[in-house]
Protein backbone atom coordinates (compact mmCIF):
# COMPACT_ATOMS: atom_id res chain seq x y z
CA MET A 1 83.89 16.12 -2.89
CA ALA A 2 81.17 17.46 -0.63
CA ILE A 3 77.83 18.46 -2.12
CA ASN A 4 76.96 22.10 -1.68
CA LYS A 5 73.35 21.91 -0.52
CA ASN A 6 73.05 25.67 -0.70
CA SER A 7 73.85 25.88 -4.40
CA ASN A 8 71.19 26.77 -6.95
CA ALA A 9 71.85 23.57 -8.88
CA TYR A 10 71.27 21.38 -5.82
CA ILE A 11 68.07 23.20 -4.91
CA ILE A 12 66.69 22.88 -8.44
CA ILE A 13 67.58 19.17 -8.75
CA TYR A 14 66.19 18.42 -5.28
CA THR A 15 62.95 20.24 -6.06
CA VAL A 16 62.50 18.45 -9.39
CA VAL A 17 63.13 15.04 -7.81
CA MET A 18 60.70 15.65 -4.94
CA VAL A 19 57.98 17.01 -7.23
CA THR A 20 58.37 13.98 -9.49
CA ILE A 21 58.17 11.54 -6.58
CA VAL A 22 55.15 13.24 -5.00
CA GLY A 23 53.41 13.51 -8.38
CA ALA A 24 53.98 9.83 -9.05
CA LEU A 25 52.62 8.90 -5.62
CA LEU A 26 49.51 11.04 -6.09
CA ALA A 27 48.88 9.56 -9.53
CA PHE A 28 49.27 6.06 -8.12
CA LEU A 29 46.87 6.78 -5.27
CA ALA A 30 44.31 8.36 -7.60
CA THR A 31 44.43 5.35 -9.92
CA SER A 32 44.28 2.88 -7.05
CA LEU A 33 41.37 4.59 -5.31
CA LYS A 34 39.26 5.26 -8.42
CA PRO A 35 37.48 1.86 -8.41
CA MET A 36 36.53 2.41 -4.77
CA GLN A 37 35.35 5.96 -5.49
CA ASP A 38 33.30 4.77 -8.47
CA ALA A 39 31.72 2.05 -6.32
CA ASN A 40 30.79 4.62 -3.66
CA VAL A 41 29.17 6.87 -6.27
CA LEU A 42 27.22 3.92 -7.69
CA ASN A 43 26.01 2.87 -4.24
CA GLU A 44 24.92 6.43 -3.49
CA GLN A 45 22.97 6.61 -6.75
CA LYS A 46 21.21 3.32 -6.04
CA SER A 47 20.49 4.36 -2.45
CA SER A 48 18.92 7.65 -3.56
CA ILE A 49 16.72 5.86 -6.10
CA MET A 50 15.52 3.39 -3.47
CA LYS A 51 14.77 6.25 -1.06
CA ALA A 52 12.65 7.90 -3.75
CA PHE A 53 10.78 4.62 -4.21
CA GLY A 54 10.20 4.58 -0.44
CA GLU A 55 12.11 1.31 -0.15
CA ALA A 56 15.37 2.41 1.45
CA ASP A 57 16.02 -1.02 2.96
CA ALA A 58 15.35 -3.01 -0.22
CA SER A 59 18.04 -4.15 -2.64
CA PHE A 60 18.17 -2.11 -5.84
CA ASP A 61 19.50 -5.02 -7.87
CA GLU A 62 16.70 -7.32 -6.71
CA VAL A 63 13.61 -5.15 -7.13
CA VAL A 64 14.36 -2.44 -9.72
CA THR A 65 14.17 -2.77 -13.49
CA MET A 66 16.53 -0.34 -15.17
CA GLY A 67 15.50 1.23 -18.42
CA ARG A 68 15.93 4.04 -20.90
CA LEU A 69 13.16 6.04 -22.49
CA SER A 70 13.75 5.96 -26.23
CA ALA A 71 11.23 7.51 -28.63
CA GLY A 72 8.71 7.49 -25.80
CA GLU A 73 9.10 3.77 -25.12
CA PHE A 74 10.50 2.05 -22.03
CA GLU A 75 13.47 -0.09 -23.04
CA VAL A 76 14.90 -2.47 -20.46
CA VAL A 77 18.62 -2.06 -19.82
CA ALA A 78 20.29 -5.30 -18.78
CA ASP A 79 23.78 -5.76 -20.23
CA ASP A 80 26.70 -4.41 -18.24
CA ALA A 81 27.80 -1.84 -20.82
CA ALA A 82 24.34 -0.27 -21.09
CA VAL A 83 23.92 -0.27 -17.31
CA ALA A 84 27.25 1.53 -16.95
CA GLU A 85 26.14 4.12 -19.52
CA VAL A 86 22.94 4.83 -17.59
CA PHE A 87 24.74 5.37 -14.29
CA ALA A 88 27.41 7.44 -16.03
CA MET A 89 24.69 9.76 -17.33
CA LEU A 90 23.25 10.08 -13.83
CA GLY A 91 26.68 11.26 -12.70
CA ASN A 92 26.94 13.85 -15.48
CA ARG A 93 24.32 16.45 -14.62
CA LYS A 94 25.15 18.65 -17.63
CA ALA A 95 24.67 15.77 -20.06
CA LEU A 96 21.51 14.70 -18.26
CA SER A 97 20.02 18.19 -18.43
CA GLU A 98 20.70 18.39 -22.17
CA ALA A 99 19.52 14.87 -23.06
CA THR A 100 16.23 14.49 -24.93
CA ASP A 101 16.35 10.76 -25.71
CA ASN A 102 17.67 7.57 -24.12
CA LEU A 103 16.64 9.02 -20.77
CA PRO A 104 17.28 6.97 -17.62
CA ILE A 105 14.16 5.56 -15.98
CA PHE A 106 13.73 3.03 -13.18
CA LYS A 107 10.73 0.77 -12.63
CA MET A 108 9.55 -1.14 -9.58
CA GLU A 109 6.50 -3.37 -9.25
CA LYS A 110 5.28 -4.32 -5.79
CA ASP A 111 1.91 -5.61 -4.58
CA GLY A 112 0.36 -4.93 -7.98
CA VAL A 113 1.54 -1.31 -8.01
CA THR A 114 3.99 0.01 -10.61
CA LYS A 115 6.14 3.03 -9.85
CA TYR A 116 8.77 4.83 -11.89
CA VAL A 117 11.70 6.90 -10.68
CA LEU A 118 13.09 9.65 -12.90
CA PRO A 119 16.26 11.70 -12.37
CA ILE A 120 15.75 15.45 -12.00
CA VAL A 121 18.39 18.16 -12.50
CA GLY A 122 18.33 21.93 -12.36
CA LYS A 123 19.88 25.13 -11.02
CA GLY A 124 19.39 26.64 -7.58
CA LEU A 125 20.58 30.00 -6.30
CA TRP A 126 24.26 29.11 -6.05
CA GLY A 127 24.71 26.01 -8.17
CA ASP A 128 23.33 22.67 -9.28
CA ILE A 129 20.37 20.99 -7.66
CA TRP A 130 19.37 17.43 -8.46
CA GLY A 131 17.55 14.35 -7.26
CA TYR A 132 15.07 11.61 -8.09
CA VAL A 133 11.27 11.64 -8.15
CA ALA A 134 9.03 8.58 -7.87
CA LEU A 135 5.76 8.61 -9.81
CA GLN A 136 2.70 6.40 -9.97
CA GLN A 137 0.00 6.52 -12.62
CA THR A 138 -3.51 6.82 -11.23
CA GLU A 139 -6.89 7.18 -12.87
CA GLY A 140 -6.65 10.44 -14.77
CA ASN A 141 -3.34 11.69 -13.36
CA VAL A 142 0.21 10.94 -12.24
CA VAL A 143 1.08 11.25 -8.56
CA ILE A 144 4.37 11.87 -6.79
CA THR A 145 4.97 9.10 -4.26
CA GLY A 146 8.44 10.15 -3.17
CA ILE A 147 11.25 12.56 -3.93
CA VAL A 148 14.90 12.94 -2.98
CA MET A 149 16.73 16.22 -3.61
CA ASP A 150 20.26 17.49 -3.02
CA HIS A 151 22.31 20.56 -3.86
CA ALA A 152 25.84 21.76 -4.51
CA GLY A 153 25.86 24.86 -2.31
CA GLU A 154 22.49 26.33 -1.39
CA THR A 155 22.30 28.53 1.70
CA PRO A 156 22.20 26.52 4.97
CA GLY A 157 18.89 26.94 6.77
CA LEU A 158 17.27 28.41 3.64
CA GLY A 159 17.59 26.89 0.18
CA ALA A 160 19.56 23.95 1.54
CA GLU A 161 16.36 22.78 3.23
CA ILE A 162 15.32 21.11 -0.04
CA ALA A 163 17.58 18.23 1.03
CA THR A 164 15.62 17.65 4.25
CA LEU A 165 12.99 14.98 4.75
CA LYS A 166 10.54 17.61 6.02
CA VAL A 167 10.50 19.46 2.70
CA GLN A 168 10.61 16.35 0.55
CA GLN A 169 7.65 14.73 2.30
CA MET A 170 5.45 17.70 1.36
CA PHE A 171 5.54 16.56 -2.28
CA GLU A 172 4.15 13.09 -1.55
CA GLY A 173 0.66 12.58 -2.95
CA LYS A 174 0.78 15.65 -5.21
CA ALA A 175 -0.80 15.11 -8.65
CA LEU A 176 1.30 16.42 -11.52
CA TYR A 177 -1.44 17.85 -13.73
CA ASP A 178 -4.37 20.17 -13.08
CA ALA A 179 -7.86 19.87 -14.56
CA GLU A 180 -6.66 21.48 -17.80
CA GLY A 181 -3.77 19.04 -18.12
CA ALA A 182 -1.06 21.59 -17.31
CA PHE A 183 1.89 20.73 -15.07
CA ALA A 184 0.89 22.13 -11.69
CA VAL A 185 3.28 20.93 -8.97
CA ARG A 186 5.29 23.79 -7.51
CA MET A 187 6.67 25.31 -4.34
CA GLN A 188 4.45 28.33 -3.79
CA LYS A 189 5.68 31.48 -2.07
CA GLY A 190 3.25 32.49 0.66
CA GLY A 191 1.94 28.95 1.07
CA ALA A 192 0.24 26.31 -1.03
CA GLN A 193 -2.98 27.54 -2.64
CA ASN A 194 -4.24 24.28 -4.13
CA GLU A 195 -3.76 20.54 -3.90
CA HIS A 196 -0.87 20.55 -6.41
CA GLN A 197 1.32 23.01 -4.51
CA VAL A 198 3.58 22.81 -1.47
CA ASP A 199 4.76 25.60 0.81
CA ALA A 200 7.89 27.37 -0.42
CA ILE A 201 10.85 27.76 1.93
CA THR A 202 10.87 31.11 3.68
CA GLY A 203 13.96 33.00 2.55
CA GLY A 204 14.72 30.41 -0.12
CA THR A 205 12.66 31.81 -2.99
CA LYS A 206 15.35 31.47 -5.67
CA THR A 207 16.08 27.88 -4.74
CA CYS A 208 12.36 27.08 -4.76
CA ASP A 209 12.06 28.67 -8.20
CA GLY A 210 14.89 26.40 -9.28
CA VAL A 211 13.08 23.36 -7.89
CA ASN A 212 9.92 24.34 -9.78
CA ALA A 213 11.82 24.68 -13.04
CA MET A 214 13.71 21.45 -12.38
CA LEU A 215 10.55 19.43 -11.81
CA GLU A 216 8.66 20.80 -14.78
CA THR A 217 11.59 20.52 -17.20
CA SER A 218 12.91 17.14 -16.07
CA ILE A 219 9.53 15.42 -15.76
CA GLY A 220 8.38 17.11 -18.97
CA LYS A 221 10.86 15.02 -20.95
CA TYR A 222 8.94 11.91 -19.89
CA GLU A 223 5.46 13.40 -20.31
CA SER A 224 4.46 11.46 -23.44
CA PHE A 225 5.36 8.19 -21.73
CA LEU A 226 3.62 9.13 -18.48
CA ARG A 227 0.49 10.27 -20.31
CA ALA A 228 0.36 7.09 -22.40
CA THR A 229 0.80 4.85 -19.38
CA GLU A 230 -1.73 6.92 -17.46
CA ALA A 231 -4.26 6.45 -20.26
CA VAL A 232 -3.71 2.69 -20.23
CA ALA A 233 -4.17 2.64 -16.46
CA GLU A 234 -7.39 4.65 -16.74
CA GLU A 235 -8.72 2.42 -19.52
CA CYS A 236 -7.83 -0.63 -17.50
CA CYS A 237 -9.64 0.72 -14.45
CA CYS A 238 -12.75 1.43 -16.50
CA GLY A 239 -12.70 -1.90 -18.29
CA GLU A 240 -11.87 -5.52 -17.81
CA CYS A 241 -9.17 -5.07 -15.17
CA CYS A 242 -11.54 -3.47 -12.72
CA GLU A 243 -14.26 -5.96 -13.56
CA GLU A 244 -11.87 -8.81 -12.84
CA GLY A 245 -10.82 -7.08 -9.65
CA ASN A 246 -14.47 -6.73 -8.62
CA VAL A 247 -15.09 -10.42 -9.29
CA GLU A 248 -12.11 -11.36 -7.17
CA LEU A 249 -13.25 -8.99 -4.42
CA ASN A 250 -16.78 -10.38 -4.49
CA ASN A 251 -15.43 -13.91 -4.30
CA GLU A 252 -13.37 -12.97 -1.27
CA GLU A 253 -16.40 -11.40 0.39
CA GLU A 254 -18.43 -14.55 -0.22
């Protein structure tokens, strides 16, 4: 008996079979590719952190100490489960923006200099903006040494410029706090008016406002830690550390 391929029953059965087969194939591919996708995301996160540190060619695993800021204290993260949790939080911008404890923080020591990289998240004109900022404690302040920013859909040629090296380099060397101790780094419409500010992007005011809010809010979560470490650095510079450094310097000069 010949099958009537024009019958409603045949069409329905054929459609169901094909949908089932295609669905199964897509599910298989998604499951098979997930480890590779996760690895790519992890590599991108590590690469962005190293770019913020200014060490794009260095190995994250060899030079960076991973940590979480808990109750204002830096806690080293070493076991695989905790490491996975930290990177998972970096990939969940909503959770990261709402977190107030166990905050991801990355530390690198090189040539006697300690730097920290913090994740930053916020909202631009059209969607999420995010990135990483590298900070170094100095005598009496905290200075930005590098920053990496990206966006979900800011306007090309305008707000999207926050992802360019030209804009990001303007933040380097900017001290976080003014003489009164207030957070002072910002993108200023009309041009920077003091040493804490950088030029805003012409035509990208809303995105720049988002960057300002992102920096102040995200870095603000780490302020107690940064202030405490800054105070230790200042005390060290005014005390024995500097004296020892001067002795070593004098010995070298002799």
